[in-house]
Amino acid sequence: MTVWSRVYSKAQASRGEEAYKSACGYCHKDDLSGGFMDDGVGRAPALAGPQAFGSSLVERFRDQTLGDMVYAIASTMPKQAPTSLPLDTYVDIVAYLLERNGVPAGADELPGDVLALRDVAITPPK
């Protein structure tokens, strides 16, 4: 199964958007464009669009799994408080990031189980 198998729902992405704006938007911007931090030293990368990790977030995690993506985000974000959100919230944020990177939604939600998410490959569109 790949991210293109419609693995998240619109409702889940909507919850993820709210969580993203609350926990991630300050650094990565509400429009996911990223930018320099207030201290002028760090830079939060863009998470959607052509400026995001080369061409897209999907490209950044190419040949990995959604389990890898959730683990990477949860273990490092938010920068001042990694692992501070519930796992389901990180999964909802990933659903939102997929939506914003052009991955289509389906009827089912991503599970809140990182092991199950390892069965979902991140591949470029065909």
N, C-alpha and C. Protein backbone atom coordinates (compact mmCIF):
# COMPACT_ATOMS: atom_id res chain seq x y z
N MET A 1 0.85 -1.17 0.00
CA MET A 1 0.00 0.00 0.00
C MET A 1 0.90 1.24 0.00
N THR A 2 0.46 2.28 -0.69
CA THR A 2 1.21 3.54 -0.73
C THR A 2 0.31 4.69 -0.26
N VAL A 3 0.91 5.86 -0.10
CA VAL A 3 0.13 7.04 0.29
C VAL A 3 -0.92 7.37 -0.76
N TRP A 4 -0.74 6.89 -2.00
CA TRP A 4 -1.67 7.18 -3.09
C TRP A 4 -2.88 6.27 -3.06
N SER A 5 -2.95 5.37 -2.06
CA SER A 5 -4.07 4.44 -1.90
C SER A 5 -5.21 5.05 -1.10
N ARG A 6 -5.22 6.37 -0.99
CA ARG A 6 -6.28 7.10 -0.26
C ARG A 6 -6.37 6.61 1.19
N VAL A 7 -5.29 6.85 1.91
CA VAL A 7 -5.12 6.25 3.24
C VAL A 7 -5.57 7.13 4.40
N TYR A 8 -6.00 8.34 4.14
CA TYR A 8 -6.48 9.23 5.20
C TYR A 8 -7.80 9.83 4.74
N SER A 9 -8.56 10.39 5.69
CA SER A 9 -9.84 11.00 5.34
C SER A 9 -9.75 12.53 5.39
N LYS A 10 -10.70 13.17 4.75
CA LYS A 10 -10.79 14.64 4.79
C LYS A 10 -10.99 15.12 6.22
N ALA A 11 -11.82 14.41 6.99
CA ALA A 11 -12.07 14.80 8.38
C ALA A 11 -10.77 14.74 9.19
N GLN A 12 -9.96 13.71 8.95
CA GLN A 12 -8.70 13.59 9.66
C GLN A 12 -7.75 14.73 9.26
N ALA A 13 -7.70 15.05 7.98
CA ALA A 13 -6.85 16.16 7.53
C ALA A 13 -7.34 17.48 8.12
N SER A 14 -8.64 17.64 8.27
CA SER A 14 -9.18 18.85 8.87
C SER A 14 -8.76 18.98 10.33
N ARG A 15 -8.82 17.87 11.08
CA ARG A 15 -8.32 17.89 12.47
C ARG A 15 -6.83 18.20 12.47
N GLY A 16 -6.12 17.62 11.52
CA GLY A 16 -4.68 17.85 11.42
C GLY A 16 -4.35 19.30 11.13
N GLU A 17 -5.17 19.95 10.33
CA GLU A 17 -4.95 21.36 10.02
C GLU A 17 -5.04 22.21 11.29
N GLU A 18 -6.06 21.96 12.09
CA GLU A 18 -6.21 22.71 13.34
C GLU A 18 -5.02 22.47 14.27
N ALA A 19 -4.61 21.21 14.40
CA ALA A 19 -3.47 20.87 15.25
C ALA A 19 -2.19 21.49 14.70
N TYR A 20 -2.02 21.45 13.39
CA TYR A 20 -0.85 22.03 12.74
C TYR A 20 -0.77 23.53 13.05
N LYS A 21 -1.87 24.24 12.86
CA LYS A 21 -1.86 25.69 13.09
C LYS A 21 -1.51 26.00 14.53
N SER A 22 -1.95 25.18 15.45
CA SER A 22 -1.68 25.39 16.87
C SER A 22 -0.24 25.04 17.25
N ALA A 23 0.26 23.91 16.75
CA ALA A 23 1.56 23.40 17.21
C ALA A 23 2.71 23.67 16.24
N CYS A 24 2.42 23.90 14.97
CA CYS A 24 3.48 23.96 13.96
C CYS A 24 3.53 25.28 13.19
N GLY A 25 2.39 25.95 13.11
CA GLY A 25 2.27 27.14 12.28
C GLY A 25 3.20 28.27 12.65
N TYR A 26 3.54 28.38 13.92
CA TYR A 26 4.40 29.47 14.34
C TYR A 26 5.73 29.44 13.60
N CYS A 27 6.32 28.27 13.47
CA CYS A 27 7.62 28.15 12.81
C CYS A 27 7.49 27.88 11.30
N HIS A 28 6.61 26.95 10.95
CA HIS A 28 6.50 26.55 9.55
C HIS A 28 5.50 27.40 8.77
N LYS A 29 4.84 28.32 9.45
CA LYS A 29 3.84 29.24 8.91
C LYS A 29 2.53 28.51 8.61
N ASP A 30 1.44 29.23 8.75
CA ASP A 30 0.12 28.64 8.53
C ASP A 30 -0.05 28.15 7.09
N ASP A 31 0.66 28.79 6.14
CA ASP A 31 0.55 28.35 4.74
C ASP A 31 1.59 27.29 4.39
N LEU A 32 2.32 26.78 5.40
CA LEU A 32 3.33 25.73 5.27
C LEU A 32 4.56 26.17 4.47
N SER A 33 4.75 27.47 4.30
CA SER A 33 5.85 27.98 3.48
C SER A 33 7.19 28.02 4.20
N GLY A 34 7.19 27.82 5.52
CA GLY A 34 8.44 27.86 6.28
C GLY A 34 9.02 29.26 6.33
N GLY A 35 10.21 29.36 6.86
CA GLY A 35 10.86 30.66 6.93
C GLY A 35 11.83 30.72 8.09
N PHE A 36 12.46 31.86 8.22
CA PHE A 36 13.44 32.04 9.28
C PHE A 36 12.75 32.23 10.62
N MET A 37 13.40 31.73 11.65
CA MET A 37 12.87 31.85 13.00
C MET A 37 13.07 33.27 13.49
N ASP A 38 12.38 33.62 14.56
CA ASP A 38 12.48 34.97 15.12
C ASP A 38 13.90 35.31 15.55
N ASP A 39 14.70 34.29 15.91
CA ASP A 39 16.06 34.57 16.34
C ASP A 39 16.99 34.83 15.15
N GLY A 40 16.47 34.65 13.91
CA GLY A 40 17.25 34.90 12.72
C GLY A 40 18.29 33.83 12.43
N VAL A 41 18.38 32.82 13.28
CA VAL A 41 19.40 31.79 13.13
C VAL A 41 18.83 30.55 12.46
N GLY A 42 17.78 30.00 13.04
CA GLY A 42 17.21 28.77 12.51
C GLY A 42 16.25 29.03 11.36
N ARG A 43 16.03 28.00 10.59
CA ARG A 43 15.08 28.10 9.49
C ARG A 43 14.16 26.89 9.54
N ALA A 44 12.86 27.14 9.59
CA ALA A 44 11.87 26.07 9.54
C ALA A 44 11.59 25.79 8.07
N PRO A 45 11.77 24.55 7.62
CA PRO A 45 11.57 24.27 6.20
C PRO A 45 10.10 24.34 5.80
N ALA A 46 9.90 24.62 4.53
CA ALA A 46 8.55 24.56 3.97
C ALA A 46 8.07 23.12 4.01
N LEU A 47 6.77 22.93 4.19
CA LEU A 47 6.21 21.58 4.27
C LEU A 47 5.23 21.28 3.14
N ALA A 48 5.05 22.21 2.23
CA ALA A 48 4.20 21.98 1.06
C ALA A 48 4.67 22.87 -0.07
N GLY A 49 4.35 22.47 -1.27
CA GLY A 49 4.70 23.24 -2.44
C GLY A 49 6.09 22.91 -2.97
N PRO A 50 6.47 23.53 -4.04
CA PRO A 50 7.73 23.21 -4.70
C PRO A 50 8.97 23.52 -3.86
N GLN A 51 8.85 24.40 -2.89
CA GLN A 51 9.98 24.75 -2.05
C GLN A 51 10.18 23.77 -0.90
N ALA A 52 9.29 22.81 -0.73
CA ALA A 52 9.33 21.89 0.41
C ALA A 52 10.30 20.74 0.16
N PHE A 53 11.45 20.79 0.80
CA PHE A 53 12.44 19.72 0.72
C PHE A 53 12.76 19.36 -0.73
N GLY A 54 12.96 20.30 -1.57
CA GLY A 54 13.22 20.00 -2.96
C GLY A 54 11.95 20.21 -3.76
N SER A 55 11.11 19.19 -3.86
CA SER A 55 9.88 19.38 -4.62
C SER A 55 8.63 19.15 -3.81
N SER A 56 8.70 18.34 -2.75
CA SER A 56 7.54 18.16 -1.89
C SER A 56 7.92 17.36 -0.66
N LEU A 57 7.04 17.38 0.31
CA LEU A 57 7.25 16.58 1.51
C LEU A 57 7.28 15.10 1.15
N VAL A 58 6.46 14.70 0.19
CA VAL A 58 6.45 13.31 -0.26
C VAL A 58 7.83 12.94 -0.81
N GLU A 59 8.43 13.84 -1.56
CA GLU A 59 9.77 13.59 -2.10
C GLU A 59 10.80 13.49 -0.97
N ARG A 60 10.67 14.31 0.04
CA ARG A 60 11.62 14.30 1.17
C ARG A 60 11.63 12.94 1.87
N PHE A 61 10.47 12.31 1.99
CA PHE A 61 10.37 11.02 2.67
C PHE A 61 10.24 9.85 1.68
N ARG A 62 10.61 10.09 0.45
CA ARG A 62 10.53 9.07 -0.60
C ARG A 62 11.19 7.76 -0.16
N ASP A 63 10.54 6.67 -0.48
CA ASP A 63 11.02 5.31 -0.16
C ASP A 63 11.09 5.02 1.33
N GLN A 64 10.40 5.83 2.11
CA GLN A 64 10.22 5.55 3.53
C GLN A 64 8.75 5.20 3.73
N THR A 65 8.33 5.13 4.96
CA THR A 65 6.93 4.81 5.25
C THR A 65 6.29 5.93 6.06
N LEU A 66 4.97 5.89 6.16
CA LEU A 66 4.30 6.88 7.00
C LEU A 66 4.70 6.68 8.46
N GLY A 67 5.02 5.45 8.85
CA GLY A 67 5.54 5.22 10.20
C GLY A 67 6.83 6.00 10.42
N ASP A 68 7.72 5.99 9.42
CA ASP A 68 8.97 6.76 9.51
C ASP A 68 8.68 8.25 9.61
N MET A 69 7.72 8.72 8.81
CA MET A 69 7.40 10.15 8.81
C MET A 69 6.82 10.58 10.17
N VAL A 70 5.87 9.81 10.67
CA VAL A 70 5.27 10.15 11.97
C VAL A 70 6.34 10.13 13.05
N TYR A 71 7.19 9.12 13.05
CA TYR A 71 8.25 9.02 14.06
C TYR A 71 9.19 10.23 13.96
N ALA A 72 9.60 10.59 12.75
CA ALA A 72 10.51 11.73 12.57
C ALA A 72 9.90 13.02 13.08
N ILE A 73 8.64 13.23 12.77
CA ILE A 73 7.97 14.46 13.20
C ILE A 73 7.75 14.46 14.71
N ALA A 74 7.23 13.35 15.23
CA ALA A 74 6.93 13.29 16.66
C ALA A 74 8.18 13.39 17.52
N SER A 75 9.28 12.83 17.07
CA SER A 75 10.50 12.83 17.90
C SER A 75 11.27 14.14 17.83
N THR A 76 10.88 15.04 16.92
CA THR A 76 11.62 16.30 16.79
C THR A 76 10.77 17.56 16.88
N MET A 77 9.46 17.42 16.85
CA MET A 77 8.58 18.58 16.81
C MET A 77 7.51 18.51 17.89
N PRO A 78 7.02 19.64 18.34
CA PRO A 78 7.54 20.98 18.12
C PRO A 78 8.97 21.09 18.67
N LYS A 79 9.72 21.96 18.07
CA LYS A 79 11.15 22.07 18.38
C LYS A 79 11.42 22.25 19.88
N GLN A 80 10.62 23.06 20.55
CA GLN A 80 10.84 23.29 21.98
C GLN A 80 10.25 22.19 22.86
N ALA A 81 9.45 21.28 22.29
CA ALA A 81 8.80 20.25 23.10
C ALA A 81 8.50 19.00 22.28
N PRO A 82 9.55 18.33 21.78
CA PRO A 82 9.30 17.11 21.00
C PRO A 82 8.50 16.09 21.80
N THR A 83 7.74 15.29 21.11
CA THR A 83 6.88 14.24 21.67
C THR A 83 5.81 14.76 22.63
N SER A 84 5.52 16.04 22.58
CA SER A 84 4.57 16.62 23.54
C SER A 84 3.11 16.46 23.13
N LEU A 85 2.86 16.08 21.90
CA LEU A 85 1.48 15.90 21.43
C LEU A 85 1.10 14.43 21.50
N PRO A 86 -0.19 14.14 21.61
CA PRO A 86 -0.63 12.75 21.54
C PRO A 86 -0.30 12.16 20.15
N LEU A 87 -0.02 10.88 20.11
CA LEU A 87 0.32 10.23 18.84
C LEU A 87 -0.76 10.46 17.79
N ASP A 88 -2.02 10.35 18.17
CA ASP A 88 -3.12 10.57 17.20
C ASP A 88 -3.05 11.97 16.59
N THR A 89 -2.60 12.94 17.36
CA THR A 89 -2.49 14.31 16.84
C THR A 89 -1.38 14.38 15.79
N TYR A 90 -0.24 13.74 16.05
CA TYR A 90 0.82 13.70 15.04
C TYR A 90 0.33 13.03 13.77
N VAL A 91 -0.43 11.96 13.90
CA VAL A 91 -0.96 11.25 12.74
C VAL A 91 -1.94 12.15 11.98
N ASP A 92 -2.79 12.89 12.68
CA ASP A 92 -3.70 13.83 12.02
C ASP A 92 -2.92 14.91 11.28
N ILE A 93 -1.85 15.41 11.87
CA ILE A 93 -1.01 16.42 11.21
C ILE A 93 -0.41 15.85 9.94
N VAL A 94 0.05 14.61 9.98
CA VAL A 94 0.60 13.97 8.78
C VAL A 94 -0.48 13.86 7.71
N ALA A 95 -1.71 13.55 8.08
CA ALA A 95 -2.81 13.50 7.11
C ALA A 95 -2.97 14.87 6.45
N TYR A 96 -2.91 15.93 7.24
CA TYR A 96 -3.01 17.29 6.70
C TYR A 96 -1.85 17.58 5.75
N LEU A 97 -0.64 17.19 6.13
CA LEU A 97 0.52 17.42 5.28
C LEU A 97 0.39 16.65 3.96
N LEU A 98 -0.13 15.45 4.02
CA LEU A 98 -0.36 14.69 2.79
C LEU A 98 -1.35 15.43 1.89
N GLU A 99 -2.45 15.90 2.49
CA GLU A 99 -3.45 16.63 1.72
C GLU A 99 -2.83 17.85 1.04
N ARG A 100 -2.07 18.61 1.78
CA ARG A 100 -1.47 19.84 1.25
C ARG A 100 -0.39 19.56 0.21
N ASN A 101 0.09 18.32 0.15
CA ASN A 101 1.09 17.94 -0.85
C ASN A 101 0.47 17.15 -2.00
N GLY A 102 -0.85 17.23 -2.15
CA GLY A 102 -1.53 16.68 -3.30
C GLY A 102 -1.86 15.21 -3.25
N VAL A 103 -1.75 14.60 -2.08
CA VAL A 103 -2.11 13.19 -1.93
C VAL A 103 -3.61 13.14 -1.66
N PRO A 104 -4.37 12.39 -2.47
CA PRO A 104 -5.83 12.39 -2.32
C PRO A 104 -6.31 11.65 -1.07
N ALA A 105 -7.42 12.14 -0.54
CA ALA A 105 -8.05 11.54 0.64
C ALA A 105 -8.95 10.39 0.22
N GLY A 106 -9.32 9.58 1.21
CA GLY A 106 -10.23 8.47 0.98
C GLY A 106 -11.27 8.44 2.08
N ALA A 107 -11.85 7.28 2.32
CA ALA A 107 -12.90 7.14 3.33
C ALA A 107 -12.35 6.79 4.71
N ASP A 108 -11.23 6.09 4.75
CA ASP A 108 -10.68 5.62 6.02
C ASP A 108 -9.65 6.59 6.57
N GLU A 109 -9.46 6.52 7.89
CA GLU A 109 -8.44 7.35 8.53
C GLU A 109 -7.15 6.56 8.73
N LEU A 110 -6.04 7.29 8.76
CA LEU A 110 -4.78 6.67 9.14
C LEU A 110 -4.91 6.19 10.57
N PRO A 111 -4.38 5.00 10.87
CA PRO A 111 -4.46 4.52 12.24
C PRO A 111 -3.44 5.22 13.14
N GLY A 112 -3.73 5.27 14.40
CA GLY A 112 -2.82 5.87 15.37
C GLY A 112 -1.81 4.85 15.88
N ASP A 113 -1.35 3.99 15.01
CA ASP A 113 -0.42 2.92 15.34
C ASP A 113 0.76 3.00 14.38
N VAL A 114 1.93 3.38 14.91
CA VAL A 114 3.10 3.57 14.06
C VAL A 114 3.49 2.28 13.35
N LEU A 115 3.31 1.15 14.00
CA LEU A 115 3.63 -0.12 13.34
C LEU A 115 2.76 -0.34 12.11
N ALA A 116 1.47 -0.04 12.21
CA ALA A 116 0.58 -0.18 11.06
C ALA A 116 0.94 0.82 9.96
N LEU A 117 1.43 1.99 10.36
CA LEU A 117 1.80 3.01 9.38
C LEU A 117 3.05 2.63 8.60
N ARG A 118 3.82 1.67 9.12
CA ARG A 118 5.00 1.19 8.40
C ARG A 118 4.61 0.39 7.16
N ASP A 119 3.34 0.05 7.04
CA ASP A 119 2.87 -0.68 5.86
C ASP A 119 2.46 0.26 4.73
N VAL A 120 2.56 1.57 4.95
CA VAL A 120 2.16 2.55 3.95
C VAL A 120 3.41 3.23 3.41
N ALA A 121 3.78 2.88 2.19
CA ALA A 121 5.00 3.43 1.56
C ALA A 121 4.76 4.83 1.02
N ILE A 122 5.78 5.65 1.12
CA ILE A 122 5.74 7.00 0.57
C ILE A 122 6.46 6.94 -0.77
N THR A 123 5.70 7.09 -1.82
CA THR A 123 6.23 7.01 -3.17
C THR A 123 5.80 8.25 -3.96
N PRO A 124 6.55 8.59 -4.99
CA PRO A 124 6.11 9.71 -5.83
C PRO A 124 4.86 9.33 -6.61
N PRO A 125 4.11 10.30 -7.09
CA PRO A 125 2.92 9.98 -7.89
C PRO A 125 3.32 9.27 -9.18
N LYS A 126 2.40 8.45 -9.66
CA LYS A 126 2.67 7.73 -10.92
C LYS A 126 2.30 8.57 -12.11
